[in-house]
Amino acid sequence: MIGGFSVTALYGKKSSSVHATASNNTSDYLEGDIIFQSSQSAQCKAVKLATHSEYSHVGMITFVDNKPCVLEAVEPVRITPLATWIAHGTGAHYTVMRLTNRSTEITEQEIVTAKALGKKMLGTHYDLYFNWGDDQLYCSELVWKIYQRSFGVELCPLRKMKEFDLTSAEVKAVMKQRYGNNPPLEEEVVAPSDLSNSTRLFVVEKK
């Protein structure tokens, strides 16, 4: 149980993992900013327990007709208006983060490439099993792959499923439902918490 919503229940380099915070508004968001939130669904609770994080879902800000939206891997991968996306989260809380030294790390052509890749991913089914293939995608996988493939930036190392805390009853129940008695503990995965803890990102806004 690593990251994102279930199909049926919608809910620059820094030397330190401590993120600086700058208060902004939506007009200050940039293409490719990363936005995090949480939800109260059973899956999201399991994600937070397994990762010891406040976040259970993540998406990438993109602009459609100059309006801020979120590219997200739910069922299926879609673009959601920002206000709608925020409303899905617990208490409408969210955090926006950005690549450190973005202006020098990302070119305009790479932004075009990222938008094209995101468009290609639209309609892809949500990956309930957190496999590292492209035929299905989960939320943090989508963000990680767009950054790596479009910008050449690996936001964080991949981890094996067994490295997460799988000991709570809630996590065990979800794992049992998904995998039976054979969870893919050696599978490489990335969680929303791995992205939010990335030393390559800083906080733009937290509400």
N, C-alpha and C. Protein backbone atom coordinates (compact mmCIF):
# COMPACT_ATOMS: atom_id res chain seq x y z
N MET A 1 0.85 -1.19 0.00
CA MET A 1 0.00 0.00 0.00
C MET A 1 0.88 1.23 0.00
N ILE A 2 1.03 1.87 -1.14
CA ILE A 2 2.06 2.87 -1.24
C ILE A 2 1.50 4.27 -1.50
N GLY A 3 0.68 4.49 -2.46
CA GLY A 3 0.25 5.86 -2.67
C GLY A 3 -0.91 5.99 -3.63
N GLY A 4 -1.71 7.03 -3.45
CA GLY A 4 -2.80 7.34 -4.35
C GLY A 4 -4.13 6.86 -3.85
N PHE A 5 -5.18 7.05 -4.66
CA PHE A 5 -6.53 6.67 -4.30
C PHE A 5 -6.88 5.32 -4.90
N SER A 6 -7.81 4.63 -4.30
CA SER A 6 -8.31 3.41 -4.88
C SER A 6 -9.28 3.74 -6.01
N VAL A 7 -9.62 2.76 -6.83
CA VAL A 7 -10.54 2.97 -7.92
C VAL A 7 -11.93 3.32 -7.37
N THR A 8 -12.32 2.69 -6.31
CA THR A 8 -13.68 2.86 -5.82
C THR A 8 -13.79 3.89 -4.73
N ALA A 9 -12.71 4.30 -4.10
CA ALA A 9 -12.77 5.25 -2.99
C ALA A 9 -11.87 6.45 -3.28
N LEU A 10 -12.48 7.47 -3.89
CA LEU A 10 -11.69 8.68 -4.15
C LEU A 10 -11.48 9.40 -2.84
N TYR A 11 -11.22 9.04 -2.61
CA TYR A 11 -10.91 9.65 -1.37
C TYR A 11 -11.86 9.48 -0.40
N GLY A 12 17.77 22.60 -8.93
CA GLY A 12 17.98 22.65 -7.69
C GLY A 12 18.21 21.80 -6.53
N LYS A 13 19.14 21.67 -5.90
CA LYS A 13 19.42 20.65 -4.93
C LYS A 13 19.67 21.31 -3.59
N LYS A 14 19.05 20.74 -2.57
CA LYS A 14 19.26 21.27 -1.23
C LYS A 14 20.08 20.28 -0.43
N SER A 15 20.81 20.74 0.54
CA SER A 15 21.65 19.86 1.34
C SER A 15 20.93 19.36 2.57
N SER A 16 19.69 19.81 2.76
CA SER A 16 18.93 19.43 3.93
C SER A 16 17.53 19.04 3.52
N SER A 17 16.90 18.17 4.31
CA SER A 17 15.52 17.77 4.02
C SER A 17 14.53 18.74 4.63
N VAL A 18 14.99 19.79 5.29
CA VAL A 18 14.11 20.81 5.85
C VAL A 18 13.75 21.78 4.73
N HIS A 19 12.44 21.98 4.52
CA HIS A 19 11.99 22.78 3.39
C HIS A 19 11.63 24.19 3.83
N ALA A 20 12.10 25.19 3.10
CA ALA A 20 11.69 26.56 3.34
C ALA A 20 10.27 26.76 2.81
N THR A 21 9.52 27.66 3.41
CA THR A 21 8.14 27.91 3.02
C THR A 21 7.97 29.35 2.57
N ALA A 22 7.31 29.54 1.44
CA ALA A 22 7.00 30.88 0.96
C ALA A 22 5.52 30.95 0.64
N SER A 23 4.82 31.93 1.18
CA SER A 23 3.38 32.05 0.97
C SER A 23 3.11 32.62 -0.41
N ASN A 24 2.30 31.89 -1.19
CA ASN A 24 1.95 32.31 -2.54
C ASN A 24 0.45 32.19 -2.75
N ASN A 25 -0.03 32.53 -3.94
CA ASN A 25 -1.39 32.23 -4.32
C ASN A 25 -1.35 31.49 -5.64
N THR A 26 -2.52 31.05 -6.12
CA THR A 26 -2.53 30.16 -7.28
C THR A 26 -1.95 30.81 -8.53
N SER A 27 -1.97 32.15 -8.60
CA SER A 27 -1.40 32.81 -9.77
C SER A 27 0.12 32.67 -9.82
N ASP A 28 0.71 32.28 -8.70
CA ASP A 28 2.16 32.12 -8.63
C ASP A 28 2.61 30.69 -8.90
N TYR A 29 1.67 29.76 -9.07
CA TYR A 29 2.05 28.39 -9.35
C TYR A 29 2.65 28.30 -10.74
N LEU A 30 3.54 27.31 -10.90
CA LEU A 30 4.20 27.11 -12.18
C LEU A 30 3.90 25.72 -12.71
N GLU A 31 3.95 25.60 -14.02
CA GLU A 31 3.79 24.30 -14.66
C GLU A 31 4.79 23.32 -14.06
N GLY A 32 4.29 22.17 -13.61
CA GLY A 32 5.15 21.15 -13.04
C GLY A 32 5.30 21.19 -11.54
N ASP A 33 4.76 22.22 -10.88
CA ASP A 33 4.75 22.20 -9.41
C ASP A 33 4.03 20.95 -8.94
N ILE A 34 4.41 20.46 -7.79
CA ILE A 34 3.87 19.20 -7.26
C ILE A 34 2.99 19.51 -6.07
N ILE A 35 1.79 18.95 -6.05
CA ILE A 35 0.82 19.25 -5.01
C ILE A 35 0.40 17.98 -4.27
N PHE A 36 0.37 18.08 -2.95
CA PHE A 36 0.09 16.93 -2.08
C PHE A 36 -1.17 17.19 -1.27
N GLN A 37 -1.86 16.09 -0.91
CA GLN A 37 -3.00 16.18 -0.02
C GLN A 37 -3.22 14.84 0.68
N SER A 38 -4.23 14.80 1.53
CA SER A 38 -4.61 13.57 2.21
C SER A 38 -6.12 13.39 2.12
N SER A 39 -6.57 12.19 2.42
CA SER A 39 -7.99 11.87 2.41
C SER A 39 -8.28 10.89 3.55
N GLN A 40 -9.56 10.66 3.82
CA GLN A 40 -9.93 9.79 4.93
C GLN A 40 -10.34 8.39 4.50
N SER A 41 -10.16 8.05 3.23
CA SER A 41 -10.54 6.71 2.79
C SER A 41 -9.65 5.66 3.45
N ALA A 42 -10.11 4.42 3.44
CA ALA A 42 -9.35 3.33 4.06
C ALA A 42 -7.98 3.19 3.41
N GLN A 43 -7.94 3.31 2.09
CA GLN A 43 -6.66 3.20 1.40
C GLN A 43 -5.72 4.31 1.81
N CYS A 44 -6.24 5.54 1.87
CA CYS A 44 -5.38 6.66 2.22
C CYS A 44 -4.87 6.56 3.65
N LYS A 45 -5.70 6.04 4.55
CA LYS A 45 -5.24 5.83 5.92
C LYS A 45 -4.10 4.82 5.94
N ALA A 46 -4.23 3.76 5.15
CA ALA A 46 -3.17 2.75 5.08
C ALA A 46 -1.89 3.33 4.52
N VAL A 47 -2.02 4.20 3.51
CA VAL A 47 -0.84 4.84 2.92
C VAL A 47 -0.09 5.64 3.98
N LYS A 48 -0.84 6.41 4.75
CA LYS A 48 -0.20 7.26 5.77
C LYS A 48 0.46 6.42 6.85
N LEU A 49 -0.17 5.32 7.21
CA LEU A 49 0.42 4.45 8.22
C LEU A 49 1.69 3.77 7.70
N ALA A 50 1.64 3.32 6.46
CA ALA A 50 2.79 2.60 5.89
C ALA A 50 3.97 3.53 5.66
N THR A 51 3.70 4.79 5.37
CA THR A 51 4.77 5.72 5.02
C THR A 51 5.10 6.71 6.14
N HIS A 52 4.31 6.68 7.22
CA HIS A 52 4.51 7.62 8.33
C HIS A 52 4.48 9.07 7.83
N SER A 53 3.49 9.36 6.99
CA SER A 53 3.40 10.67 6.36
C SER A 53 2.00 11.23 6.48
N GLU A 54 1.89 12.55 6.38
CA GLU A 54 0.58 13.19 6.38
C GLU A 54 -0.06 13.14 5.00
N TYR A 55 0.70 12.75 3.98
CA TYR A 55 0.20 12.78 2.61
C TYR A 55 -0.13 11.38 2.08
N SER A 56 -1.23 11.31 1.34
CA SER A 56 -1.60 10.04 0.73
C SER A 56 -1.85 10.17 -0.77
N HIS A 57 -1.81 11.37 -1.30
CA HIS A 57 -2.04 11.56 -2.74
C HIS A 57 -1.21 12.74 -3.23
N VAL A 58 -0.81 12.65 -4.50
CA VAL A 58 0.03 13.69 -5.09
C VAL A 58 -0.32 13.82 -6.57
N GLY A 59 -0.19 15.03 -7.08
CA GLY A 59 -0.39 15.28 -8.49
C GLY A 59 0.55 16.38 -8.95
N MET A 60 0.45 16.74 -10.22
CA MET A 60 1.33 17.75 -10.79
C MET A 60 0.50 18.88 -11.38
N ILE A 61 0.82 20.10 -11.02
CA ILE A 61 0.07 21.25 -11.53
C ILE A 61 0.36 21.46 -13.00
N THR A 62 -0.71 21.66 -13.76
CA THR A 62 -0.60 21.96 -15.17
C THR A 62 -1.66 23.01 -15.50
N PHE A 63 -1.44 23.75 -16.55
CA PHE A 63 -2.36 24.82 -16.90
C PHE A 63 -3.12 24.46 -18.17
N VAL A 64 -4.43 24.63 -18.11
CA VAL A 64 -5.30 24.39 -19.26
C VAL A 64 -6.05 25.69 -19.53
N ASP A 65 -5.84 26.28 -20.68
CA ASP A 65 -6.43 27.59 -20.99
C ASP A 65 -6.09 28.60 -19.89
N ASN A 66 -4.86 28.56 -19.44
CA ASN A 66 -4.32 29.47 -18.42
C ASN A 66 -4.97 29.29 -17.04
N LYS A 67 -5.69 28.20 -16.84
CA LYS A 67 -6.30 27.92 -15.55
C LYS A 67 -5.55 26.77 -14.87
N PRO A 68 -5.25 26.91 -13.57
CA PRO A 68 -4.49 25.85 -12.89
C PRO A 68 -5.33 24.59 -12.68
N CYS A 69 -4.73 23.47 -13.03
CA CYS A 69 -5.36 22.17 -12.87
C CYS A 69 -4.33 21.22 -12.28
N VAL A 70 -4.76 19.99 -12.02
CA VAL A 70 -3.86 18.97 -11.49
C VAL A 70 -3.92 17.72 -12.36
N LEU A 71 -2.78 17.32 -12.88
CA LEU A 71 -2.65 16.04 -13.55
C LEU A 71 -2.47 14.99 -12.46
N GLU A 72 -3.36 14.01 -12.40
CA GLU A 72 -3.32 13.05 -11.31
C GLU A 72 -3.66 11.65 -11.80
N ALA A 73 -3.07 10.66 -11.14
CA ALA A 73 -3.38 9.26 -11.42
C ALA A 73 -4.43 8.80 -10.42
N VAL A 74 -5.69 8.84 -10.87
CA VAL A 74 -6.79 8.19 -10.17
C VAL A 74 -7.33 7.18 -11.18
N GLU A 75 -8.61 6.94 -11.20
CA GLU A 75 -9.15 6.01 -12.19
C GLU A 75 -10.08 6.74 -13.14
N PRO A 76 -9.58 7.07 -14.34
CA PRO A 76 -8.22 6.86 -14.82
C PRO A 76 -7.38 8.11 -14.59
N VAL A 77 -6.16 8.14 -15.16
CA VAL A 77 -5.36 9.36 -15.13
C VAL A 77 -6.16 10.47 -15.79
N ARG A 78 -6.22 11.64 -15.13
CA ARG A 78 -7.03 12.73 -15.64
C ARG A 78 -6.44 14.07 -15.23
N ILE A 79 -7.01 15.12 -15.80
CA ILE A 79 -6.70 16.49 -15.39
C ILE A 79 -7.92 17.03 -14.67
N THR A 80 -7.71 17.49 -13.43
CA THR A 80 -8.78 17.96 -12.57
C THR A 80 -8.58 19.44 -12.26
N PRO A 81 -9.62 20.26 -12.35
CA PRO A 81 -9.47 21.66 -11.94
C PRO A 81 -8.91 21.76 -10.53
N LEU A 82 -8.01 22.70 -10.30
CA LEU A 82 -7.33 22.79 -9.02
C LEU A 82 -8.30 22.91 -7.85
N ALA A 83 -9.30 23.76 -7.97
CA ALA A 83 -10.25 23.95 -6.86
C ALA A 83 -10.98 22.65 -6.54
N THR A 84 -11.33 21.88 -7.56
CA THR A 84 -12.00 20.60 -7.35
C THR A 84 -11.06 19.62 -6.66
N TRP A 85 -9.81 19.60 -7.10
CA TRP A 85 -8.81 18.70 -6.52
C TRP A 85 -8.60 19.02 -5.05
N ILE A 86 -8.47 20.29 -4.72
CA ILE A 86 -8.26 20.69 -3.33
C ILE A 86 -9.45 20.28 -2.47
N ALA A 87 -10.66 20.43 -3.00
CA ALA A 87 -11.86 20.09 -2.25
C ALA A 87 -11.94 18.61 -1.91
N HIS A 88 -11.28 17.76 -2.68
CA HIS A 88 -11.28 16.32 -2.41
C HIS A 88 -10.47 15.96 -1.16
N GLY A 89 -9.56 16.82 -0.76
CA GLY A 89 -8.66 16.51 0.34
C GLY A 89 -9.30 16.78 1.70
N THR A 90 -8.75 16.17 2.71
CA THR A 90 -9.22 16.36 4.08
C THR A 90 -9.07 17.83 4.48
N GLY A 91 -10.19 18.45 4.85
CA GLY A 91 -10.17 19.84 5.28
C GLY A 91 -9.69 20.81 4.22
N ALA A 92 -9.67 20.37 2.96
CA ALA A 92 -9.16 21.19 1.85
C ALA A 92 -7.71 21.63 2.08
N HIS A 93 -6.97 20.82 2.85
CA HIS A 93 -5.55 21.11 3.08
C HIS A 93 -4.71 20.58 1.93
N TYR A 94 -3.63 21.28 1.63
CA TYR A 94 -2.73 20.85 0.57
C TYR A 94 -1.38 21.51 0.75
N THR A 95 -0.39 20.96 0.07
CA THR A 95 0.96 21.53 0.04
C THR A 95 1.46 21.54 -1.39
N VAL A 96 1.99 22.67 -1.82
CA VAL A 96 2.59 22.79 -3.15
C VAL A 96 4.09 22.89 -2.99
N MET A 97 4.82 22.10 -3.78
CA MET A 97 6.27 22.11 -3.74
C MET A 97 6.83 22.31 -5.15
N ARG A 98 8.08 22.77 -5.19
CA ARG A 98 8.70 23.11 -6.48
C ARG A 98 10.16 22.67 -6.48
N LEU A 99 10.64 22.36 -7.66
CA LEU A 99 12.04 21.98 -7.84
C LEU A 99 12.94 23.17 -7.52
N THR A 100 13.92 22.94 -6.67
CA THR A 100 14.90 23.98 -6.37
C THR A 100 15.68 24.34 -7.64
N ASN A 101 15.94 25.62 -7.81
CA ASN A 101 16.66 26.09 -9.01
C ASN A 101 15.93 25.71 -10.29
N ARG A 102 14.61 25.76 -10.23
CA ARG A 102 13.80 25.35 -11.37
C ARG A 102 14.17 26.10 -12.64
N SER A 103 14.43 27.39 -12.54
CA SER A 103 14.69 28.21 -13.73
C SER A 103 15.95 27.78 -14.47
N THR A 104 16.87 27.16 -13.77
CA THR A 104 18.09 26.69 -14.42
C THR A 104 18.08 25.19 -14.67
N GLU A 105 17.21 24.47 -13.97
CA GLU A 105 17.16 23.01 -14.11
C GLU A 105 16.22 22.56 -15.23
N ILE A 106 15.20 23.40 -15.53
CA ILE A 106 14.17 23.00 -16.48
C ILE A 106 14.10 24.02 -17.61
N THR A 107 14.14 23.54 -18.84
CA THR A 107 14.03 24.42 -20.00
C THR A 107 12.58 24.47 -20.48
N GLU A 108 12.29 25.47 -21.29
CA GLU A 108 10.94 25.60 -21.85
C GLU A 108 10.60 24.39 -22.71
N GLN A 109 11.57 23.89 -23.45
CA GLN A 109 11.31 22.72 -24.29
C GLN A 109 11.00 21.50 -23.43
N GLU A 110 11.67 21.38 -22.30
CA GLU A 110 11.38 20.25 -21.41
C GLU A 110 9.98 20.36 -20.82
N ILE A 111 9.51 21.58 -20.58
CA ILE A 111 8.14 21.76 -20.09
C ILE A 111 7.15 21.29 -21.16
N VAL A 112 7.43 21.64 -22.41
CA VAL A 112 6.59 21.17 -23.52
C VAL A 112 6.59 19.64 -23.56
N THR A 113 7.76 19.04 -23.38
CA THR A 113 7.88 17.58 -23.37
C THR A 113 7.08 16.97 -22.23
N ALA A 114 7.13 17.59 -21.04
CA ALA A 114 6.40 17.08 -19.89
C ALA A 114 4.90 17.15 -20.13
N LYS A 115 4.42 18.25 -20.70
CA LYS A 115 2.99 18.38 -20.97
C LYS A 115 2.54 17.33 -21.99
N ALA A 116 3.38 17.06 -22.98
CA ALA A 116 3.04 16.06 -23.98
C ALA A 116 3.00 14.67 -23.35
N LEU A 117 3.94 14.39 -22.46
CA LEU A 117 3.95 13.09 -21.78
C LEU A 117 2.73 12.94 -20.89
N GLY A 118 2.39 14.00 -20.16
CA GLY A 118 1.19 13.96 -19.33
C GLY A 118 -0.06 13.72 -20.16
N LYS A 119 -0.13 14.36 -21.31
CA LYS A 119 -1.28 14.17 -22.20
C LYS A 119 -1.36 12.73 -22.68
N LYS A 120 -0.19 12.14 -22.97
CA LYS A 120 -0.14 10.74 -23.41
C LYS A 120 -0.62 9.80 -22.32
N MET A 121 -0.39 10.18 -21.05
CA MET A 121 -0.79 9.32 -19.93
C MET A 121 -2.28 9.40 -19.62
N LEU A 122 -2.97 10.40 -20.11
CA LEU A 122 -4.40 10.55 -19.83
C LEU A 122 -5.16 9.30 -20.24
N GLY A 123 -6.06 8.88 -19.37
CA GLY A 123 -6.86 7.69 -19.66
C GLY A 123 -6.23 6.39 -19.20
N THR A 124 -4.96 6.43 -18.76
CA THR A 124 -4.31 5.23 -18.26
C THR A 124 -4.99 4.79 -16.97
N HIS A 125 -5.22 3.49 -16.84
CA HIS A 125 -5.89 2.98 -15.65
C HIS A 125 -5.02 3.15 -14.41
N TYR A 126 -5.69 3.31 -13.28
CA TYR A 126 -5.00 3.41 -12.00
C TYR A 126 -4.43 2.05 -11.62
N ASP A 127 -3.23 2.05 -11.08
CA ASP A 127 -2.54 0.80 -10.72
C ASP A 127 -2.78 0.45 -9.25
N LEU A 128 -3.71 -0.42 -9.01
CA LEU A 128 -4.02 -0.85 -7.65
C LEU A 128 -2.90 -1.66 -7.02
N TYR A 129 -2.03 -2.22 -7.85
CA TYR A 129 -1.02 -3.16 -7.35
C TYR A 129 0.39 -2.56 -7.29
N PHE A 130 0.52 -1.31 -7.70
CA PHE A 130 1.79 -0.58 -7.57
C PHE A 130 2.95 -1.27 -8.28
N ASN A 131 2.68 -1.72 -9.50
CA ASN A 131 3.75 -2.27 -10.33
C ASN A 131 4.47 -1.12 -11.04
N TRP A 132 5.72 -1.32 -11.40
CA TRP A 132 6.52 -0.27 -11.99
C TRP A 132 6.49 -0.32 -13.51
N GLY A 133 5.35 -0.64 -14.08
CA GLY A 133 5.19 -0.62 -15.54
C GLY A 133 4.43 0.62 -15.95
N ASP A 134 4.27 0.81 -17.27
CA ASP A 134 3.58 2.00 -17.77
C ASP A 134 2.15 1.72 -18.20
N ASP A 135 1.72 0.45 -18.18
CA ASP A 135 0.38 0.14 -18.64
C ASP A 135 -0.68 0.63 -17.64
N GLN A 136 -0.30 0.75 -16.37
CA GLN A 136 -1.13 1.34 -15.33
C GLN A 136 -0.23 2.22 -14.46
N LEU A 137 -0.82 3.23 -13.83
CA LEU A 137 -0.01 4.18 -13.05
C LEU A 137 -0.69 4.51 -11.73
N TYR A 138 0.12 4.71 -10.69
CA TYR A 138 -0.41 5.28 -9.44
C TYR A 138 0.16 6.69 -9.28
N CYS A 139 -0.35 7.44 -8.31
CA CYS A 139 -0.14 8.88 -8.30
C CYS A 139 1.32 9.30 -8.24
N SER A 140 2.06 8.80 -7.28
CA SER A 140 3.45 9.22 -7.12
C SER A 140 4.34 8.68 -8.24
N GLU A 141 3.97 7.55 -8.81
CA GLU A 141 4.69 6.99 -9.95
C GLU A 141 4.59 7.93 -11.14
N LEU A 142 3.39 8.45 -11.40
CA LEU A 142 3.19 9.37 -12.51
C LEU A 142 4.09 10.59 -12.38
N VAL A 143 4.11 11.22 -11.22
CA VAL A 143 4.92 12.41 -11.01
C VAL A 143 6.41 12.09 -11.17
N TRP A 144 6.85 11.00 -10.54
CA TRP A 144 8.27 10.63 -10.59
C TRP A 144 8.71 10.40 -12.03
N LYS A 145 7.89 9.69 -12.81
CA LYS A 145 8.28 9.35 -14.17
C LYS A 145 8.29 10.57 -15.08
N ILE A 146 7.35 11.48 -14.90
CA ILE A 146 7.35 12.69 -15.73
C ILE A 146 8.61 13.51 -15.46
N TYR A 147 8.98 13.66 -14.19
CA TYR A 147 10.19 14.41 -13.87
C TYR A 147 11.45 13.73 -14.41
N GLN A 148 11.50 12.42 -14.29
CA GLN A 148 12.70 11.70 -14.74
C GLN A 148 12.80 11.69 -16.26
N ARG A 149 11.69 11.49 -16.94
CA ARG A 149 11.71 11.32 -18.38
C ARG A 149 11.70 12.65 -19.13
N SER A 150 11.11 13.67 -18.55
CA SER A 150 11.02 14.96 -19.24
C SER A 150 12.12 15.92 -18.83
N PHE A 151 12.46 15.93 -17.55
CA PHE A 151 13.43 16.90 -17.02
C PHE A 151 14.79 16.27 -16.70
N GLY A 152 14.85 14.94 -16.74
CA GLY A 152 16.10 14.27 -16.35
C GLY A 152 16.38 14.39 -14.87
N VAL A 153 15.33 14.54 -14.07
CA VAL A 153 15.46 14.73 -12.63
C VAL A 153 14.84 13.54 -11.90
N GLU A 154 15.63 12.85 -11.10
CA GLU A 154 15.11 11.82 -10.22
C GLU A 154 14.87 12.46 -8.86
N LEU A 155 13.62 12.67 -8.54
CA LEU A 155 13.27 13.41 -7.33
C LEU A 155 13.69 12.69 -6.05
N CYS A 156 13.75 11.37 -6.10
CA CYS A 156 14.11 10.58 -4.93
C CYS A 156 14.47 9.18 -5.39
N PRO A 157 15.19 8.43 -4.58
CA PRO A 157 15.45 7.03 -4.94
C PRO A 157 14.17 6.20 -4.85
N LEU A 158 14.08 5.18 -5.67
CA LEU A 158 12.99 4.22 -5.53
C LEU A 158 13.27 3.33 -4.32
N ARG A 159 12.20 2.81 -3.72
CA ARG A 159 12.34 1.94 -2.57
C ARG A 159 11.61 0.63 -2.84
N LYS A 160 11.96 -0.39 -2.11
CA LYS A 160 11.24 -1.66 -2.22
C LYS A 160 10.05 -1.63 -1.26
N MET A 161 8.99 -2.31 -1.66
CA MET A 161 7.78 -2.30 -0.86
C MET A 161 8.04 -2.75 0.58
N LYS A 162 8.96 -3.68 0.75
CA LYS A 162 9.23 -4.21 2.09
C LYS A 162 9.86 -3.17 3.01
N GLU A 163 10.33 -2.06 2.46
CA GLU A 163 10.97 -1.04 3.28
C GLU A 163 9.96 -0.15 4.01
N PHE A 164 8.69 -0.24 3.63
CA PHE A 164 7.66 0.55 4.30
C PHE A 164 7.15 -0.19 5.53
N ASP A 165 6.45 0.51 6.37
CA ASP A 165 5.91 -0.08 7.60
C ASP A 165 4.60 -0.79 7.28
N LEU A 166 4.67 -2.09 7.18
CA LEU A 166 3.51 -2.90 6.79
C LEU A 166 2.91 -3.64 7.98
N THR A 167 3.16 -3.14 9.19
CA THR A 167 2.81 -3.90 10.40
C THR A 167 1.43 -3.59 10.97
N SER A 168 0.83 -2.46 10.61
CA SER A 168 -0.46 -2.10 11.21
C SER A 168 -1.58 -2.96 10.64
N ALA A 169 -2.65 -3.10 11.41
CA ALA A 169 -3.79 -3.91 10.98
C ALA A 169 -4.41 -3.36 9.71
N GLU A 170 -4.47 -2.03 9.61
CA GLU A 170 -5.08 -1.41 8.44
C GLU A 170 -4.27 -1.71 7.17
N VAL A 171 -2.96 -1.62 7.29
CA VAL A 171 -2.10 -1.89 6.14
C VAL A 171 -2.17 -3.38 5.77
N LYS A 172 -2.13 -4.23 6.77
CA LYS A 172 -2.21 -5.67 6.51
C LYS A 172 -3.51 -6.04 5.79
N ALA A 173 -4.61 -5.39 6.18
CA ALA A 173 -5.89 -5.69 5.56
C ALA A 173 -5.89 -5.32 4.07
N VAL A 174 -5.34 -4.15 3.75
CA VAL A 174 -5.28 -3.72 2.36
C VAL A 174 -4.34 -4.63 1.57
N MET A 175 -3.19 -4.96 2.16
CA MET A 175 -2.25 -5.85 1.49
C MET A 175 -2.87 -7.21 1.21
N LYS A 176 -3.60 -7.73 2.17
CA LYS A 176 -4.25 -9.04 2.02
C LYS A 176 -5.30 -8.99 0.91
N GLN A 177 -6.06 -7.90 0.89
CA GLN A 177 -7.10 -7.75 -0.14
C GLN A 177 -6.49 -7.66 -1.53
N ARG A 178 -5.35 -6.97 -1.65
CA ARG A 178 -4.74 -6.77 -2.96
C ARG A 178 -3.94 -7.97 -3.43
N TYR A 179 -3.16 -8.54 -2.52
CA TYR A 179 -2.15 -9.52 -2.94
C TYR A 179 -2.35 -10.92 -2.39
N GLY A 180 -3.34 -11.13 -1.53
CA GLY A 180 -3.47 -12.43 -0.91
C GLY A 180 -2.29 -12.69 0.01
N ASN A 181 -1.69 -13.85 -0.12
CA ASN A 181 -0.55 -14.21 0.74
C ASN A 181 0.81 -13.97 0.09
N ASN A 182 0.80 -13.32 -1.09
CA ASN A 182 2.06 -13.14 -1.81
C ASN A 182 2.28 -11.69 -2.23
N PRO A 183 2.46 -10.76 -1.30
CA PRO A 183 2.72 -9.38 -1.67
C PRO A 183 4.08 -9.25 -2.34
N PRO A 184 4.20 -8.38 -3.33
CA PRO A 184 5.47 -8.23 -4.05
C PRO A 184 6.44 -7.34 -3.27
N LEU A 185 7.00 -7.88 -2.22
CA LEU A 185 7.81 -7.09 -1.30
C LEU A 185 9.09 -6.54 -1.94
N GLU A 186 9.53 -7.16 -3.02
CA GLU A 186 10.74 -6.70 -3.69
C GLU A 186 10.46 -5.68 -4.78
N GLU A 187 9.19 -5.37 -5.02
CA GLU A 187 8.81 -4.42 -6.08
C GLU A 187 9.34 -3.02 -5.76
N GLU A 188 9.93 -2.36 -6.75
CA GLU A 188 10.37 -0.98 -6.57
C GLU A 188 9.17 -0.04 -6.68
N VAL A 189 9.07 0.85 -5.72
CA VAL A 189 7.93 1.76 -5.65
C VAL A 189 8.40 3.14 -5.21
N VAL A 190 7.49 4.11 -5.34
CA VAL A 190 7.73 5.45 -4.82
C VAL A 190 6.43 5.92 -4.19
N ALA A 191 6.50 6.49 -3.01
CA ALA A 191 5.33 6.95 -2.27
C ALA A 191 5.24 8.47 -2.30
N PRO A 192 4.05 9.03 -2.06
CA PRO A 192 3.94 10.49 -1.92
C PRO A 192 4.93 11.04 -0.90
N SER A 193 5.14 10.30 0.18
CA SER A 193 6.07 10.75 1.22
C SER A 193 7.50 10.85 0.71
N ASP A 194 7.89 9.94 -0.19
CA ASP A 194 9.23 10.00 -0.75
C ASP A 194 9.43 11.29 -1.55
N LEU A 195 8.39 11.68 -2.28
CA LEU A 195 8.46 12.92 -3.04
C LEU A 195 8.47 14.13 -2.12
N SER A 196 7.60 14.13 -1.13
CA SER A 196 7.52 15.30 -0.23
C SER A 196 8.79 15.46 0.60
N ASN A 197 9.52 14.38 0.82
CA ASN A 197 10.77 14.43 1.58
C ASN A 197 11.99 14.69 0.70
N SER A 198 11.76 14.84 -0.59
CA SER A 198 12.88 15.04 -1.51
C SER A 198 13.65 16.31 -1.17
N THR A 199 14.96 16.20 -1.11
CA THR A 199 15.80 17.36 -0.87
C THR A 199 15.92 18.24 -2.11
N ARG A 200 15.31 17.82 -3.20
CA ARG A 200 15.34 18.60 -4.44
C ARG A 200 14.14 19.53 -4.55
N LEU A 201 13.24 19.47 -3.58
CA LEU A 201 12.04 20.29 -3.62
C LEU A 201 11.98 21.24 -2.43
N PHE A 202 11.27 22.36 -2.61
CA PHE A 202 10.99 23.24 -1.49
C PHE A 202 9.50 23.58 -1.48
N VAL A 203 9.00 23.97 -0.32
CA VAL A 203 7.58 24.27 -0.17
C VAL A 203 7.28 25.66 -0.71
N VAL A 204 6.32 25.73 -1.61
CA VAL A 204 5.83 27.01 -2.14
C VAL A 204 4.67 27.52 -1.29
N GLU A 205 3.80 26.59 -0.92
CA GLU A 205 2.62 26.97 -0.15
C GLU A 205 2.10 25.75 0.61
N LYS A 206 1.63 25.98 1.81
CA LYS A 206 1.03 24.92 2.61
C LYS A 206 -0.20 25.47 3.31
N LYS A 207 -1.34 24.86 3.08
CA LYS A 207 -2.60 25.30 3.69
C LYS A 207 -3.36 24.11 4.26
